[in-house]
Amino acid sequence: MRRLSSTFTVFYKRVFPLTALLIPILAGAALWHASMHGRAPIGWLSLLPSLVIFLVGLAIYRKLIVDLVDEVWLDADQLVVKNGGQQARIRLVDVINVNATVMINPRRVTLSLRADSRFGRSIAFMPATVGGVGAAFKPDPIATDLIGRIDALRQVLR
């Protein structure tokens, strides 16, 4: 079996939200405390920037990260998908479309399926691709490999 998903998925899904969303909360609490002791502007106004940062971070998290599965493995002509202690096997011929994002961090590969799986009709994961200079403008090698494998399997089945 070959791992297709990044090992950083756990960091992005669990550690990043705690740190990125906790910082504006702590900054807001510090400003609130300072305003209560007469060293900063009015109390509720000091919380406004922190609240905006928190809401924008939450929106980005919900749009880009929350739907990522934990692990995706390639096992011959099947994908083994793991998320939250659950596991599903998906045949490559059941994948309708492979879509990879470009110039978005974290990178995402989204698989559209013919039928519902345990994780829904589409599965998104962070590919284990190593970036570099100019890598943001190139197609993801994992997505390209998956597209080639799926096309080859469809040719055999015809």
C-alpha atoms as a PDB file:
ATOM      1  CA  MET A   1       0.000   0.000   0.000  1.00  0.00           C
ATOM      2  CA  ARG A   2       1.146   3.518  -0.791  1.00  0.00           C
ATOM      3  CA  ARG A   3       0.101   6.528   1.239  1.00  0.00           C
ATOM      4  CA  LEU A   4      -1.451   9.281  -0.887  1.00  0.00           C
ATOM      5  CA  SER A   5      -2.436  11.690   1.896  1.00  0.00           C
ATOM      6  CA  SER A   6      -0.123  13.951   3.816  1.00  0.00           C
ATOM      7  CA  THR A   7       0.937  13.160   7.366  1.00  0.00           C
ATOM      8  CA  PHE A   8       0.287  16.847   8.204  1.00  0.00           C
ATOM      9  CA  THR A   9      -3.494  16.390   7.912  1.00  0.00           C
ATOM     10  CA  VAL A  10      -3.768  15.768  11.663  1.00  0.00           C
ATOM     11  CA  PHE A  11      -1.867  19.003  12.323  1.00  0.00           C
ATOM     12  CA  TYR A  12      -4.144  21.017  10.027  1.00  0.00           C
ATOM     13  CA  LYS A  13      -7.339  19.488  11.412  1.00  0.00           C
ATOM     14  CA  ARG A  14      -6.569  19.432  15.129  1.00  0.00           C
ATOM     15  CA  VAL A  15      -3.527  21.513  16.155  1.00  0.00           C
ATOM     16  CA  PHE A  16      -3.811  24.460  13.755  1.00  0.00           C
ATOM     17  CA  PRO A  17      -7.387  25.400  14.755  1.00  0.00           C
ATOM     18  CA  LEU A  18      -6.477  25.422  18.418  1.00  0.00           C
ATOM     19  CA  THR A  19      -3.502  27.702  17.950  1.00  0.00           C
ATOM     20  CA  ALA A  20      -4.839  29.918  15.147  1.00  0.00           C
ATOM     21  CA  LEU A  21      -8.184  30.499  16.800  1.00  0.00           C
ATOM     22  CA  LEU A  22      -6.889  30.674  20.356  1.00  0.00           C
ATOM     23  CA  ILE A  23      -4.488  33.544  19.614  1.00  0.00           C
ATOM     24  CA  PRO A  24      -7.233  36.102  18.788  1.00  0.00           C
ATOM     25  CA  ILE A  25      -9.213  34.963  21.813  1.00  0.00           C
ATOM     26  CA  LEU A  26      -6.217  35.514  24.109  1.00  0.00           C
ATOM     27  CA  ALA A  27      -5.413  38.859  22.462  1.00  0.00           C
ATOM     28  CA  GLY A  28      -9.023  39.938  22.900  1.00  0.00           C
ATOM     29  CA  ALA A  29      -9.014  38.861  26.528  1.00  0.00           C
ATOM     30  CA  ALA A  30      -5.817  40.852  27.138  1.00  0.00           C
ATOM     31  CA  LEU A  31      -7.304  43.950  25.510  1.00  0.00           C
ATOM     32  CA  TRP A  32     -10.527  43.486  27.479  1.00  0.00           C
ATOM     33  CA  HIS A  33      -8.568  43.221  30.717  1.00  0.00           C
ATOM     34  CA  ALA A  34      -6.515  46.317  29.839  1.00  0.00           C
ATOM     35  CA  SER A  35      -9.658  48.287  28.999  1.00  0.00           C
ATOM     36  CA  MET A  36     -11.237  47.393  32.320  1.00  0.00           C
ATOM     37  CA  HIS A  37      -8.242  48.951  34.070  1.00  0.00           C
ATOM     38  CA  GLY A  38      -8.283  52.144  31.996  1.00  0.00           C
ATOM     39  CA  ARG A  39      -5.225  51.396  29.864  1.00  0.00           C
ATOM     40  CA  ALA A  40      -6.956  50.762  26.524  1.00  0.00           C
ATOM     41  CA  PRO A  41     -10.017  51.848  24.510  1.00  0.00           C
ATOM     42  CA  ILE A  42     -13.578  50.951  25.437  1.00  0.00           C
ATOM     43  CA  GLY A  43     -14.032  47.272  26.370  1.00  0.00           C
ATOM     44  CA  TRP A  44     -16.295  45.926  23.650  1.00  0.00           C
ATOM     45  CA  LEU A  45     -14.414  47.810  20.903  1.00  0.00           C
ATOM     46  CA  SER A  46     -11.179  46.167  21.981  1.00  0.00           C
ATOM     47  CA  LEU A  47     -12.768  42.773  21.362  1.00  0.00           C
ATOM     48  CA  LEU A  48     -13.949  43.628  17.845  1.00  0.00           C
ATOM     49  CA  PRO A  49     -10.655  42.951  15.937  1.00  0.00           C
ATOM     50  CA  SER A  50     -10.188  39.651  17.763  1.00  0.00           C
ATOM     51  CA  LEU A  51     -13.755  38.637  16.982  1.00  0.00           C
ATOM     52  CA  VAL A  52     -13.303  39.441  13.290  1.00  0.00           C
ATOM     53  CA  ILE A  53     -10.038  37.451  13.122  1.00  0.00           C
ATOM     54  CA  PHE A  54     -11.712  34.544  14.905  1.00  0.00           C
ATOM     55  CA  LEU A  55     -14.691  34.534  12.512  1.00  0.00           C
ATOM     56  CA  VAL A  56     -12.514  34.771   9.393  1.00  0.00           C
ATOM     57  CA  GLY A  57     -10.299  31.929  10.681  1.00  0.00           C
ATOM     58  CA  LEU A  58     -13.352  29.825  11.432  1.00  0.00           C
ATOM     59  CA  ALA A  59     -14.758  30.410   7.937  1.00  0.00           C
ATOM     60  CA  ILE A  60     -11.446  29.439   6.315  1.00  0.00           C
ATOM     61  CA  TYR A  61     -11.208  26.343   8.497  1.00  0.00           C
ATOM     62  CA  ARG A  62     -14.744  25.245   7.587  1.00  0.00           C
ATOM     63  CA  LYS A  63     -14.179  25.869   3.857  1.00  0.00           C
ATOM     64  CA  LEU A  64     -10.722  24.337   3.410  1.00  0.00           C
ATOM     65  CA  ILE A  65      -9.944  21.924   6.218  1.00  0.00           C
ATOM     66  CA  VAL A  66     -12.917  20.429   8.077  1.00  0.00           C
ATOM     67  CA  ASP A  67     -13.932  18.037   5.275  1.00  0.00           C
ATOM     68  CA  LEU A  68     -10.453  16.539   4.756  1.00  0.00           C
ATOM     69  CA  VAL A  69     -10.179  12.846   5.564  1.00  0.00           C
ATOM     70  CA  ASP A  70      -7.329  11.709   7.811  1.00  0.00           C
ATOM     71  CA  GLU A  71      -5.656   9.139   5.554  1.00  0.00           C
ATOM     72  CA  VAL A  72      -5.891   7.871   1.984  1.00  0.00           C
ATOM     73  CA  TRP A  73      -3.915   4.817   0.873  1.00  0.00           C
ATOM     74  CA  LEU A  74      -3.622   3.235  -2.573  1.00  0.00           C
ATOM     75  CA  ASP A  75      -3.955  -0.557  -2.476  1.00  0.00           C
ATOM     76  CA  ALA A  76      -3.691  -1.948  -6.036  1.00  0.00           C
ATOM     77  CA  ASP A  77      -6.965  -0.822  -7.689  1.00  0.00           C
ATOM     78  CA  GLN A  78      -8.649   0.389  -4.492  1.00  0.00           C
ATOM     79  CA  LEU A  79      -8.374   3.353  -2.181  1.00  0.00           C
ATOM     80  CA  VAL A  80      -8.397   2.792   1.562  1.00  0.00           C
ATOM     81  CA  VAL A  81      -9.874   5.888   3.213  1.00  0.00           C
ATOM     82  CA  LYS A  82      -9.639   6.441   6.982  1.00  0.00           C
ATOM     83  CA  ASN A  83     -11.282   9.207   8.948  1.00  0.00           C
ATOM     84  CA  GLY A  84     -12.096   9.452  12.627  1.00  0.00           C
ATOM     85  CA  GLY A  85     -11.628   5.746  13.356  1.00  0.00           C
ATOM     86  CA  GLN A  86     -13.748   4.650  10.371  1.00  0.00           C
ATOM     87  CA  GLN A  87     -12.423   3.019   7.235  1.00  0.00           C
ATOM     88  CA  ALA A  88     -13.806   2.499   3.736  1.00  0.00           C
ATOM     89  CA  ARG A  89     -12.511   0.812   0.600  1.00  0.00           C
ATOM     90  CA  ILE A  90     -13.325   2.503  -2.687  1.00  0.00           C
ATOM     91  CA  ARG A  91     -12.607   0.979  -6.076  1.00  0.00           C
ATOM     92  CA  LEU A  92     -10.771   3.284  -8.459  1.00  0.00           C
ATOM     93  CA  VAL A  93     -13.337   2.588 -11.191  1.00  0.00           C
ATOM     94  CA  ASP A  94     -15.984   4.129  -8.909  1.00  0.00           C
ATOM     95  CA  VAL A  95     -14.176   7.484  -9.017  1.00  0.00           C
ATOM     96  CA  ILE A  96     -15.812   9.786 -11.556  1.00  0.00           C
ATOM     97  CA  ASN A  97     -13.517  12.791 -11.276  1.00  0.00           C
ATOM     98  CA  VAL A  98     -10.219  13.779  -9.668  1.00  0.00           C
ATOM     99  CA  ASN A  99      -9.825  17.481  -8.940  1.00  0.00           C
ATOM    100  CA  ALA A 100      -6.655  19.018  -7.511  1.00  0.00           C
ATOM    101  CA  THR A 101      -6.365  22.586  -6.296  1.00  0.00           C
ATOM    102  CA  VAL A 102      -3.564  24.858  -7.409  1.00  0.00           C
ATOM    103  CA  MET A 103      -2.176  27.774  -5.404  1.00  0.00           C
ATOM    104  CA  ILE A 104      -4.184  26.972  -2.282  1.00  0.00           C
ATOM    105  CA  ASN A 105      -2.642  26.012   1.027  1.00  0.00           C
ATOM    106  CA  PRO A 106      -3.218  23.295   2.081  1.00  0.00           C
ATOM    107  CA  ARG A 107      -3.322  21.575  -1.290  1.00  0.00           C
ATOM    108  CA  ARG A 108      -6.425  19.443  -1.815  1.00  0.00           C
ATOM    109  CA  VAL A 109      -7.352  16.527  -4.013  1.00  0.00           C
ATOM    110  CA  THR A 110     -11.089  15.898  -4.261  1.00  0.00           C
ATOM    111  CA  LEU A 111     -12.449  12.616  -5.568  1.00  0.00           C
ATOM    112  CA  SER A 112     -16.026  12.534  -6.879  1.00  0.00           C
ATOM    113  CA  LEU A 113     -17.617   9.094  -6.567  1.00  0.00           C
ATOM    114  CA  ARG A 114     -20.369   7.311  -8.526  1.00  0.00           C
ATOM    115  CA  ALA A 115     -22.234   6.317  -5.377  1.00  0.00           C
ATOM    116  CA  ASP A 116     -22.242   7.311  -1.737  1.00  0.00           C
ATOM    117  CA  SER A 117     -19.502   5.910   0.447  1.00  0.00           C
ATOM    118  CA  ARG A 118     -19.222   5.944   4.210  1.00  0.00           C
ATOM    119  CA  PHE A 119     -17.756   9.450   3.868  1.00  0.00           C
ATOM    120  CA  GLY A 120     -20.180  10.806   1.283  1.00  0.00           C
ATOM    121  CA  ARG A 121     -20.115  11.231  -2.461  1.00  0.00           C
ATOM    122  CA  SER A 122     -16.896  13.232  -2.524  1.00  0.00           C
ATOM    123  CA  ILE A 123     -13.678  12.653  -0.617  1.00  0.00           C
ATOM    124  CA  ALA A 124     -11.111  15.395  -0.086  1.00  0.00           C
ATOM    125  CA  PHE A 125      -7.592  14.901   1.216  1.00  0.00           C
ATOM    126  CA  MET A 126      -4.254  16.684   1.440  1.00  0.00           C
ATOM    127  CA  PRO A 127      -1.838  15.002  -0.972  1.00  0.00           C
ATOM    128  CA  ALA A 128       1.557  13.891   0.286  1.00  0.00           C
ATOM    129  CA  THR A 129       3.223  15.938  -2.437  1.00  0.00           C
ATOM    130  CA  VAL A 130       6.387  17.768  -1.533  1.00  0.00           C
ATOM    131  CA  GLY A 131       6.250  21.361  -2.713  1.00  0.00           C
ATOM    132  CA  GLY A 132       9.064  23.490  -3.891  1.00  0.00           C
ATOM    133  CA  VAL A 133       9.780  26.542  -5.976  1.00  0.00           C
ATOM    134  CA  GLY A 134       7.140  26.675  -8.690  1.00  0.00           C
ATOM    135  CA  ALA A 135       5.256  23.625  -7.386  1.00  0.00           C
ATOM    136  CA  ALA A 136       2.146  25.746  -6.805  1.00  0.00           C
ATOM    137  CA  PHE A 137       1.757  26.215 -10.561  1.00  0.00           C
ATOM    138  CA  LYS A 138       2.211  22.560 -11.562  1.00  0.00           C
ATOM    139  CA  PRO A 139      -0.423  19.813 -11.502  1.00  0.00           C
ATOM    140  CA  ASP A 140      -0.265  17.651  -8.411  1.00  0.00           C
ATOM    141  CA  PRO A 141       1.680  14.433  -9.173  1.00  0.00           C
ATOM    142  CA  ILE A 142      -0.582  12.318  -6.946  1.00  0.00           C
ATOM    143  CA  ALA A 143      -3.715  13.574  -8.704  1.00  0.00           C
ATOM    144  CA  THR A 144      -2.078  13.049 -12.111  1.00  0.00           C
ATOM    145  CA  ASP A 145      -1.103   9.499 -11.157  1.00  0.00           C
ATOM    146  CA  LEU A 146      -4.630   8.751  -9.924  1.00  0.00           C
ATOM    147  CA  ILE A 147      -6.150  10.063 -13.158  1.00  0.00           C
ATOM    148  CA  GLY A 148      -3.812   7.832 -15.168  1.00  0.00           C
ATOM    149  CA  ARG A 149      -4.637   4.751 -13.081  1.00  0.00           C
ATOM    150  CA  ILE A 150      -8.379   5.362 -13.309  1.00  0.00           C
ATOM    151  CA  ASP A 151      -8.221   5.868 -17.085  1.00  0.00           C
ATOM    152  CA  ALA A 152      -6.167   2.669 -17.492  1.00  0.00           C
ATOM    153  CA  LEU A 153      -8.692   0.675 -15.437  1.00  0.00           C
ATOM    154  CA  ARG A 154     -11.589   2.049 -17.485  1.00  0.00           C
ATOM    155  CA  GLN A 155      -9.838   1.038 -20.731  1.00  0.00           C
ATOM    156  CA  VAL A 156      -9.398  -2.517 -19.436  1.00  0.00           C
ATOM    157  CA  LEU A 157     -13.052  -2.762 -18.395  1.00  0.00           C
ATOM    158  CA  ARG A 158     -14.368  -1.643 -21.801  1.00  0.00           C
END
